[in-house]
Structures are given as C-alpha cells and as structure tokens.
C-alpha cells in the first residue's frame, strides 16, 4: 500500500502535495499484492484536479468520506486482493 501521485498519468518521485493545483494532478492510495508497483492496481482516489477547457474553470475532487469510511474501504480492498 502506498501513495501514488501523478500528473497526467506521469508518475514522478519528485511530485509532492505542493503541486496539487497543477493541471491533471492526482493523488491516490495504491494497493498491490505480490506484484510490481504500478498505477494499474487497485486504487482509492484521494484528490484529482482537472484544469478545464476555459481559463479559471478548474475542478478538484476530494475524497468525501470519513476516516472510518476510508479505513473500511482500505480493509475491503486488501481483503479483495488477498482472496483474488
């Protein structure tokens, strides 16, 4: 389990939360079981920022559940991977 940050699908080690308002920024929790760390695994989306077509039309989406809901979603994802 790890935090994945990318911009427009490009995963870079140097990306931090400081770039959260850059075009196409995405932050997710990534899960993988017995395999390589790639972003094509089970993920829970935490934040996504889309610039939009027009100036100042950017839209961000934020995980809107509680900490308890996030914990349940993490457990459910881990159980799914273990039983797959």
N, C-alpha and C. Protein backbone atom coordinates (compact mmCIF):
# COMPACT_ATOMS: atom_id res chain seq x y z
N UNK A 1 0.86 -1.16 0.00
CA UNK A 1 0.00 0.00 0.00
C UNK A 1 0.91 1.22 0.00
N UNK A 2 0.62 2.17 -0.86
CA UNK A 2 1.43 3.38 -0.94
C UNK A 2 0.63 4.51 -1.54
N UNK A 3 1.14 5.72 -1.41
CA UNK A 3 0.50 6.90 -2.01
C UNK A 3 1.07 7.08 -3.41
N UNK A 4 0.18 7.22 -4.38
CA UNK A 4 0.55 7.45 -5.76
C UNK A 4 0.23 8.91 -6.08
N UNK A 5 1.18 9.61 -6.63
CA UNK A 5 0.93 10.97 -7.12
C UNK A 5 1.40 11.02 -8.56
N UNK A 6 0.55 11.54 -9.43
CA UNK A 6 0.97 11.70 -10.82
C UNK A 6 0.35 12.94 -11.42
N UNK A 7 0.92 13.37 -12.51
CA UNK A 7 0.38 14.50 -13.27
C UNK A 7 0.16 14.00 -14.68
N UNK A 8 -1.11 13.97 -15.09
CA UNK A 8 -1.49 13.49 -16.42
C UNK A 8 -0.96 12.09 -16.69
N UNK A 9 -0.97 11.24 -15.66
CA UNK A 9 -0.54 9.86 -15.81
C UNK A 9 0.95 9.64 -15.69
N UNK A 10 1.74 10.70 -15.54
CA UNK A 10 3.19 10.57 -15.41
C UNK A 10 3.56 10.50 -13.94
N UNK A 11 4.01 9.33 -13.50
CA UNK A 11 4.39 9.12 -12.11
C UNK A 11 5.85 9.56 -11.94
N UNK A 12 6.07 10.54 -11.08
CA UNK A 12 7.41 11.04 -10.81
C UNK A 12 7.65 11.03 -9.31
N UNK A 13 8.82 10.57 -8.88
CA UNK A 13 9.15 10.51 -7.46
C UNK A 13 9.13 11.89 -6.81
N UNK A 14 9.44 12.93 -7.57
CA UNK A 14 9.58 14.27 -7.00
C UNK A 14 8.26 15.01 -6.79
N UNK A 15 7.15 14.45 -7.23
CA UNK A 15 5.85 15.12 -7.09
C UNK A 15 5.44 15.11 -5.62
N UNK A 16 5.00 16.27 -5.12
CA UNK A 16 4.52 16.38 -3.74
C UNK A 16 3.14 17.01 -3.75
N UNK A 17 2.57 17.15 -2.58
CA UNK A 17 1.25 17.78 -2.48
C UNK A 17 1.31 19.26 -2.85
N UNK A 18 2.49 19.84 -2.93
CA UNK A 18 2.61 21.25 -3.34
C UNK A 18 2.12 21.47 -4.76
N UNK A 19 2.14 20.43 -5.59
CA UNK A 19 1.69 20.54 -6.97
C UNK A 19 0.20 20.21 -7.13
N UNK A 20 -0.56 20.21 -6.05
CA UNK A 20 -1.95 19.73 -6.09
C UNK A 20 -2.85 20.54 -7.01
N UNK A 21 -2.47 21.76 -7.38
CA UNK A 21 -3.29 22.54 -8.29
C UNK A 21 -2.69 22.61 -9.70
N UNK A 22 -1.70 21.78 -9.97
CA UNK A 22 -1.18 21.66 -11.33
C UNK A 22 -2.19 20.89 -12.17
N UNK A 23 -2.22 21.18 -13.47
CA UNK A 23 -3.15 20.51 -14.37
C UNK A 23 -3.02 18.99 -14.27
N UNK A 24 -4.13 18.30 -14.14
CA UNK A 24 -4.20 16.84 -14.16
C UNK A 24 -3.47 16.18 -13.00
N UNK A 25 -3.33 16.86 -11.86
CA UNK A 25 -2.70 16.27 -10.68
C UNK A 25 -3.66 15.27 -10.05
N UNK A 26 -3.12 14.12 -9.63
CA UNK A 26 -3.94 13.09 -9.00
C UNK A 26 -3.17 12.49 -7.83
N UNK A 27 -3.85 12.26 -6.73
CA UNK A 27 -3.28 11.63 -5.55
C UNK A 27 -4.20 10.47 -5.16
N UNK A 28 -3.61 9.28 -4.99
CA UNK A 28 -4.40 8.08 -4.70
C UNK A 28 -3.65 7.21 -3.70
N UNK A 29 -4.39 6.32 -3.05
CA UNK A 29 -3.78 5.24 -2.29
C UNK A 29 -3.74 4.05 -3.25
N UNK A 30 -2.56 3.49 -3.45
CA UNK A 30 -2.41 2.35 -4.35
C UNK A 30 -2.17 1.07 -3.57
N UNK A 31 -2.74 -0.02 -4.06
CA UNK A 31 -2.59 -1.33 -3.43
C UNK A 31 -2.05 -2.30 -4.46
N UNK A 32 -1.17 -3.16 -4.04
CA UNK A 32 -0.68 -4.22 -4.90
C UNK A 32 -0.35 -5.40 -4.01
N UNK A 33 -0.58 -6.59 -4.51
CA UNK A 33 -0.29 -7.78 -3.74
C UNK A 33 0.57 -8.70 -4.59
N UNK A 34 1.78 -8.94 -4.11
CA UNK A 34 2.68 -9.89 -4.77
C UNK A 34 2.93 -9.53 -6.22
N UNK A 35 3.21 -8.26 -6.46
CA UNK A 35 3.46 -7.83 -7.83
C UNK A 35 4.20 -6.51 -7.85
N UNK A 36 4.51 -6.02 -9.04
CA UNK A 36 5.25 -4.76 -9.15
C UNK A 36 4.39 -3.56 -8.78
N UNK A 37 5.04 -2.50 -8.34
CA UNK A 37 4.33 -1.26 -8.02
C UNK A 37 4.06 -0.51 -9.30
N UNK A 38 2.83 -0.57 -9.76
CA UNK A 38 2.41 0.19 -10.93
C UNK A 38 1.10 0.85 -10.57
N UNK A 39 0.70 1.85 -11.32
CA UNK A 39 -0.57 2.51 -11.00
C UNK A 39 -1.75 1.75 -11.57
N UNK A 40 -1.52 0.63 -12.26
CA UNK A 40 -2.61 -0.19 -12.76
C UNK A 40 -3.00 -1.24 -11.72
N UNK A 41 -3.18 -0.80 -10.50
CA UNK A 41 -3.57 -1.67 -9.40
C UNK A 41 -4.85 -1.10 -8.80
N UNK A 42 -5.32 -1.72 -7.74
CA UNK A 42 -6.49 -1.18 -7.03
C UNK A 42 -6.10 0.17 -6.42
N UNK A 43 -6.95 1.15 -6.57
CA UNK A 43 -6.66 2.47 -6.01
C UNK A 43 -7.90 3.07 -5.35
N UNK A 44 -7.65 3.96 -4.42
CA UNK A 44 -8.69 4.79 -3.82
C UNK A 44 -8.30 6.23 -4.13
N UNK A 45 -9.14 6.93 -4.83
CA UNK A 45 -8.83 8.31 -5.23
C UNK A 45 -8.98 9.26 -4.05
N UNK A 46 -7.93 10.02 -3.78
CA UNK A 46 -7.96 10.99 -2.70
C UNK A 46 -8.18 12.41 -3.21
N UNK A 47 -7.54 12.76 -4.32
CA UNK A 47 -7.64 14.11 -4.87
C UNK A 47 -7.35 14.05 -6.36
N UNK A 48 -8.12 14.82 -7.13
CA UNK A 48 -7.86 14.95 -8.56
C UNK A 48 -8.18 16.37 -8.97
N UNK A 49 -7.28 17.00 -9.72
CA UNK A 49 -7.51 18.37 -10.19
C UNK A 49 -7.48 18.38 -11.71
N UNK A 50 -8.55 18.86 -12.30
CA UNK A 50 -8.68 18.96 -13.75
C UNK A 50 -8.75 20.42 -14.13
N UNK A 51 -7.89 20.87 -15.02
CA UNK A 51 -7.82 22.29 -15.37
C UNK A 51 -9.09 22.79 -16.03
N UNK A 52 -9.66 22.05 -16.93
CA UNK A 52 -10.83 22.52 -17.65
C UNK A 52 -10.44 23.20 -18.95
N UNK A 53 -11.41 23.42 -19.79
CA UNK A 53 -11.16 23.99 -21.11
C UNK A 53 -10.97 25.50 -21.05
N UNK A 54 -11.80 26.17 -20.27
CA UNK A 54 -11.74 27.63 -20.18
C UNK A 54 -10.86 28.06 -19.01
N UNK A 55 -10.30 29.27 -19.09
CA UNK A 55 -9.48 29.81 -18.02
C UNK A 55 -10.31 29.88 -16.73
N UNK A 56 -9.70 29.51 -15.64
CA UNK A 56 -10.33 29.51 -14.31
C UNK A 56 -11.52 28.56 -14.21
N UNK A 57 -11.52 27.51 -15.02
CA UNK A 57 -12.62 26.54 -14.94
C UNK A 57 -12.16 25.23 -14.33
N UNK A 58 -11.06 25.26 -13.58
CA UNK A 58 -10.53 24.05 -12.96
C UNK A 58 -11.48 23.47 -11.93
N UNK A 59 -11.45 22.16 -11.81
CA UNK A 59 -12.30 21.45 -10.88
C UNK A 59 -11.45 20.45 -10.11
N UNK A 60 -11.60 20.44 -8.81
CA UNK A 60 -10.92 19.45 -7.99
C UNK A 60 -11.94 18.55 -7.32
N UNK A 61 -11.61 17.29 -7.22
CA UNK A 61 -12.47 16.37 -6.48
C UNK A 61 -11.66 15.82 -5.31
N UNK A 62 -12.29 15.70 -4.17
CA UNK A 62 -11.63 15.30 -2.94
C UNK A 62 -12.37 14.11 -2.36
N UNK A 63 -11.65 13.16 -1.78
CA UNK A 63 -12.30 12.03 -1.12
C UNK A 63 -13.28 12.59 -0.09
N UNK A 64 -14.54 12.22 -0.21
CA UNK A 64 -15.55 12.86 0.62
C UNK A 64 -16.08 11.98 1.74
N UNK A 65 -15.37 10.93 2.07
CA UNK A 65 -15.82 10.08 3.16
C UNK A 65 -15.12 10.43 4.46
N UNK A 66 -15.54 9.79 5.53
CA UNK A 66 -14.91 9.98 6.83
C UNK A 66 -13.66 9.10 6.91
N UNK A 67 -12.87 9.31 7.95
CA UNK A 67 -11.69 8.47 8.18
C UNK A 67 -12.13 7.01 8.36
N UNK A 68 -13.25 6.80 9.06
CA UNK A 68 -13.75 5.45 9.28
C UNK A 68 -14.15 4.80 7.95
N UNK A 69 -14.78 5.57 7.06
CA UNK A 69 -15.16 5.02 5.75
C UNK A 69 -13.92 4.69 4.93
N UNK A 70 -12.90 5.53 5.01
CA UNK A 70 -11.66 5.27 4.30
C UNK A 70 -10.99 4.01 4.83
N UNK A 71 -10.98 3.84 6.15
CA UNK A 71 -10.41 2.62 6.74
C UNK A 71 -11.16 1.39 6.26
N UNK A 72 -12.50 1.45 6.22
CA UNK A 72 -13.30 0.32 5.75
C UNK A 72 -13.01 0.02 4.28
N UNK A 73 -12.85 1.07 3.48
CA UNK A 73 -12.55 0.88 2.06
C UNK A 73 -11.17 0.25 1.88
N UNK A 74 -10.21 0.64 2.71
CA UNK A 74 -8.87 0.04 2.66
C UNK A 74 -8.94 -1.43 3.01
N UNK A 75 -9.64 -1.77 4.10
CA UNK A 75 -9.78 -3.17 4.51
C UNK A 75 -10.46 -3.99 3.42
N UNK A 76 -11.53 -3.46 2.84
CA UNK A 76 -12.26 -4.16 1.78
C UNK A 76 -11.35 -4.42 0.57
N UNK A 77 -10.54 -3.44 0.20
CA UNK A 77 -9.62 -3.60 -0.93
C UNK A 77 -8.56 -4.64 -0.62
N UNK A 78 -8.00 -4.61 0.59
CA UNK A 78 -6.99 -5.60 0.97
C UNK A 78 -7.58 -7.01 0.99
N UNK A 79 -8.79 -7.16 1.51
CA UNK A 79 -9.45 -8.47 1.52
C UNK A 79 -9.69 -8.96 0.10
N UNK A 80 -10.09 -8.06 -0.79
CA UNK A 80 -10.30 -8.42 -2.20
C UNK A 80 -9.00 -8.94 -2.82
N UNK A 81 -7.89 -8.24 -2.58
CA UNK A 81 -6.61 -8.66 -3.15
C UNK A 81 -6.15 -10.00 -2.57
N UNK A 82 -6.37 -10.21 -1.28
CA UNK A 82 -5.95 -11.47 -0.66
C UNK A 82 -6.78 -12.65 -1.14
N UNK A 83 -8.03 -12.42 -1.49
CA UNK A 83 -8.91 -13.51 -1.93
C UNK A 83 -8.94 -13.69 -3.43
N UNK A 84 -8.24 -12.85 -4.16
CA UNK A 84 -8.25 -12.91 -5.62
C UNK A 84 -7.40 -14.05 -6.13
